[in-house]
Amino acid sequence: MPYPLTFTYPSTETADKQAAALKETWDEAGFDTTLDGLGDTYYDVIQKPNKESDVIWGGWGADWPSAITVTPPLFDSRINLTQNSDGQDYGAYQSDEFNGLVDEAQNAASLEDQTAALQQADIVLGQDVAYIPLEITKFYFLYGSKVTGYTNTPASAMYPDLGAIGVSS
């Protein structure tokens, strides 16, 4: 003790302050935290299998409102790992139990069965401490009274559907 820990994150003025707050609490918990803030080359660095990070900040947006578009792309090592890249599996997570549950979800005959398998897969991820939620981003979109057809739904990851938007004269 203290146990060394390197935290890699995309550096901005705000993110540097967030990382410093995390460092303070992690150091109090018995770690010797090194902050590794990166600039424009962030994702190409954290996708390398030989990176020197213990904890890596990563963000992901679902392609549609289903865990099948989040859980497998981020943690199924069979689809993400190559010789030169971990793809979106930034932590290079590997688990036969987890991968089996992903297979079960992908082959499920119903949405309920798929959801149940992915919930079990998430339990495995939690038991393995494969990820630690650090933030939840909430967006606020404002538009004027002459904007028509404005809509955002979980199907568009809560972004505005640009095909429906118009302007009244």
Protein backbone atom coordinates (compact mmCIF):
# COMPACT_ATOMS: atom_id res chain seq x y z
CA MET A 1 0.00 0.00 0.00
CA PRO A 2 -0.62 2.40 -1.51
CA TYR A 3 -1.43 0.42 -4.66
CA PRO A 4 -0.42 2.19 -7.93
CA LEU A 5 -3.25 3.02 -10.32
CA THR A 6 -3.18 4.90 -13.63
CA PHE A 7 -6.39 6.62 -14.76
CA THR A 8 -6.50 7.60 -18.45
CA TYR A 9 -9.16 10.06 -19.57
CA PRO A 10 -9.77 12.68 -22.30
CA SER A 11 -8.28 15.88 -20.92
CA THR A 12 -10.27 19.10 -20.86
CA GLU A 13 -10.39 21.81 -18.23
CA THR A 14 -13.53 20.28 -16.69
CA ALA A 15 -12.37 16.65 -17.06
CA ASP A 16 -9.06 17.51 -15.36
CA LYS A 17 -11.01 18.80 -12.34
CA GLN A 18 -13.20 15.68 -12.31
CA ALA A 19 -10.12 13.45 -12.51
CA ALA A 20 -8.44 15.36 -9.67
CA ALA A 21 -11.51 14.77 -7.48
CA LEU A 22 -11.44 11.05 -8.32
CA LYS A 23 -7.71 10.92 -7.60
CA GLU A 24 -8.24 12.47 -4.20
CA THR A 25 -10.84 9.89 -3.16
CA TRP A 26 -8.97 6.96 -4.72
CA ASP A 27 -5.77 8.00 -2.94
CA GLU A 28 -7.68 8.20 0.35
CA ALA A 29 -8.91 4.65 -0.34
CA GLY A 30 -5.33 3.33 -0.56
CA PHE A 31 -4.31 3.89 -4.15
CA ASP A 32 -1.42 5.94 -5.51
CA THR A 33 -3.26 7.39 -8.50
CA THR A 34 -1.50 8.75 -11.56
CA LEU A 35 -3.66 10.90 -13.83
CA ASP A 36 -3.02 10.37 -17.54
CA GLY A 37 -5.02 13.04 -19.36
CA LEU A 38 -4.84 12.73 -23.13
CA GLY A 39 -5.75 15.24 -25.83
CA ASP A 40 -6.72 14.72 -29.47
CA THR A 41 -5.26 11.22 -29.74
CA TYR A 42 -7.44 9.74 -27.02
CA TYR A 43 -9.33 6.84 -28.61
CA ASP A 44 -6.47 5.60 -30.77
CA VAL A 45 -4.34 5.36 -27.60
CA ILE A 46 -6.86 3.61 -25.33
CA GLN A 47 -7.67 1.03 -28.03
CA LYS A 48 -4.08 -0.26 -28.08
CA PRO A 49 -3.60 -3.62 -26.35
CA ASN A 50 -0.28 -2.49 -24.81
CA LYS A 51 -1.65 0.64 -23.11
CA GLU A 52 -0.41 1.34 -19.58
CA SER A 53 -3.77 2.20 -18.01
CA ASP A 54 -5.58 0.53 -15.14
CA VAL A 55 -8.79 2.59 -15.37
CA ILE A 56 -9.94 4.14 -18.65
CA TRP A 57 -12.75 6.62 -19.20
CA GLY A 58 -14.98 5.58 -22.09
CA GLY A 59 -18.30 6.70 -23.40
CA TRP A 60 -20.84 4.92 -25.57
CA GLY A 61 -24.16 5.70 -27.13
CA ALA A 62 -26.59 2.93 -28.00
CA ASP A 63 -27.44 2.53 -31.69
CA TRP A 64 -31.03 1.86 -30.64
CA PRO A 65 -32.69 1.44 -27.23
CA SER A 66 -31.48 -2.07 -26.41
CA ALA A 67 -28.66 -3.40 -24.27
CA ILE A 68 -27.63 -5.61 -27.20
CA THR A 69 -26.16 -2.46 -28.82
CA VAL A 70 -24.13 -1.64 -25.71
CA THR A 71 -23.05 -4.70 -23.76
CA PRO A 72 -21.54 -6.89 -26.53
CA PRO A 73 -19.69 -4.11 -28.39
CA LEU A 74 -18.01 -2.95 -25.17
CA PHE A 75 -17.19 -6.25 -23.46
CA ASP A 76 -17.30 -9.20 -25.91
CA SER A 77 -13.59 -9.68 -26.58
CA ARG A 78 -14.22 -12.04 -29.49
CA ILE A 79 -15.48 -9.23 -31.73
CA ASN A 80 -13.30 -6.40 -30.50
CA LEU A 81 -9.80 -7.71 -30.05
CA THR A 82 -7.27 -7.73 -32.87
CA GLN A 83 -3.50 -7.82 -32.76
CA ASN A 84 -3.32 -4.02 -32.87
CA SER A 85 -6.58 -2.88 -31.30
CA ASP A 86 -8.99 -3.69 -28.49
CA GLY A 87 -11.72 -1.97 -30.51
CA GLN A 88 -14.35 -0.68 -28.08
CA ASP A 89 -13.32 -3.23 -25.42
CA TYR A 90 -10.97 -0.66 -23.88
CA GLY A 91 -10.31 -2.75 -20.78
CA ALA A 92 -9.53 -5.88 -22.83
CA TYR A 93 -12.16 -7.73 -20.78
CA GLN A 94 -12.35 -11.48 -21.40
CA SER A 95 -14.84 -13.87 -19.80
CA ASP A 96 -16.17 -17.15 -21.19
CA GLU A 97 -19.21 -16.87 -18.88
CA PHE A 98 -20.02 -13.38 -20.15
CA ASN A 99 -19.46 -14.37 -23.80
CA GLY A 100 -21.79 -17.36 -23.35
CA LEU A 101 -24.53 -15.05 -22.08
CA VAL A 102 -23.99 -12.74 -25.05
CA ASP A 103 -24.39 -15.75 -27.37
CA GLU A 104 -27.59 -16.66 -25.53
CA ALA A 105 -28.89 -13.09 -25.93
CA GLN A 106 -28.02 -12.92 -29.62
CA ASN A 107 -29.80 -16.21 -30.27
CA ALA A 108 -32.83 -15.48 -28.07
CA ALA A 109 -36.25 -16.19 -29.56
CA SER A 110 -37.86 -13.21 -27.82
CA LEU A 111 -36.96 -9.76 -26.55
CA GLU A 112 -37.74 -10.91 -23.01
CA ASP A 113 -35.26 -13.81 -23.27
CA GLN A 114 -32.64 -11.51 -24.79
CA THR A 115 -33.13 -8.97 -22.01
CA ALA A 116 -32.87 -11.68 -19.33
CA ALA A 117 -29.59 -12.98 -20.77
CA LEU A 118 -28.16 -9.46 -20.99
CA GLN A 119 -29.21 -8.74 -17.40
CA GLN A 120 -27.32 -11.86 -16.32
CA ALA A 121 -24.34 -10.72 -18.43
CA ASP A 122 -24.43 -7.35 -16.63
CA ILE A 123 -24.34 -9.18 -13.28
CA VAL A 124 -21.19 -10.99 -14.42
CA LEU A 125 -19.65 -7.66 -15.47
CA GLY A 126 -20.49 -6.23 -12.05
CA GLN A 127 -19.01 -9.19 -10.19
CA ASP A 128 -15.83 -8.85 -12.26
CA VAL A 129 -15.84 -5.04 -11.77
CA ALA A 130 -15.47 -4.73 -15.54
CA TYR A 131 -16.76 -1.17 -15.43
CA ILE A 132 -17.40 1.59 -12.91
CA PRO A 133 -20.07 4.15 -13.85
CA LEU A 134 -18.57 7.61 -13.41
CA GLU A 135 -21.16 9.84 -15.03
CA ILE A 136 -24.49 9.97 -16.79
CA THR A 137 -24.81 12.62 -19.45
CA LYS A 138 -28.12 14.45 -19.79
CA PHE A 139 -28.79 16.65 -22.81
CA TYR A 140 -31.14 19.62 -22.98
CA PHE A 141 -32.31 20.69 -26.43
CA LEU A 142 -33.98 24.06 -26.93
CA TYR A 143 -35.82 25.13 -30.05
CA GLY A 144 -37.86 28.14 -31.12
CA SER A 145 -41.61 28.46 -31.66
CA LYS A 146 -41.21 28.35 -35.45
CA VAL A 147 -39.52 24.94 -35.41
CA THR A 148 -41.93 22.23 -36.54
CA GLY A 149 -41.77 18.45 -36.34
CA TYR A 150 -39.28 18.43 -33.49
CA THR A 151 -39.07 15.01 -31.87
CA ASN A 152 -36.51 12.99 -29.99
CA THR A 153 -37.00 9.45 -28.76
CA PRO A 154 -34.96 6.58 -27.30
CA ALA A 155 -34.76 5.25 -30.88
CA SER A 156 -32.65 8.29 -31.81
CA ALA A 157 -30.58 8.09 -28.59
CA MET A 158 -32.64 11.12 -27.48
CA TYR A 159 -31.13 13.28 -30.22
CA PRO A 160 -33.52 15.22 -32.48
CA ASP A 161 -34.81 13.33 -35.51
CA LEU A 162 -33.41 15.59 -38.23
CA GLY A 163 -35.64 14.13 -40.93
CA ALA A 164 -38.79 15.47 -39.30
CA ILE A 165 -37.62 18.98 -38.35
CA GLY A 166 -38.83 21.99 -40.30
CA VAL A 167 -39.35 25.72 -39.93
CA SER A 168 -42.71 27.45 -40.28
CA SER A 169 -42.91 30.66 -42.28
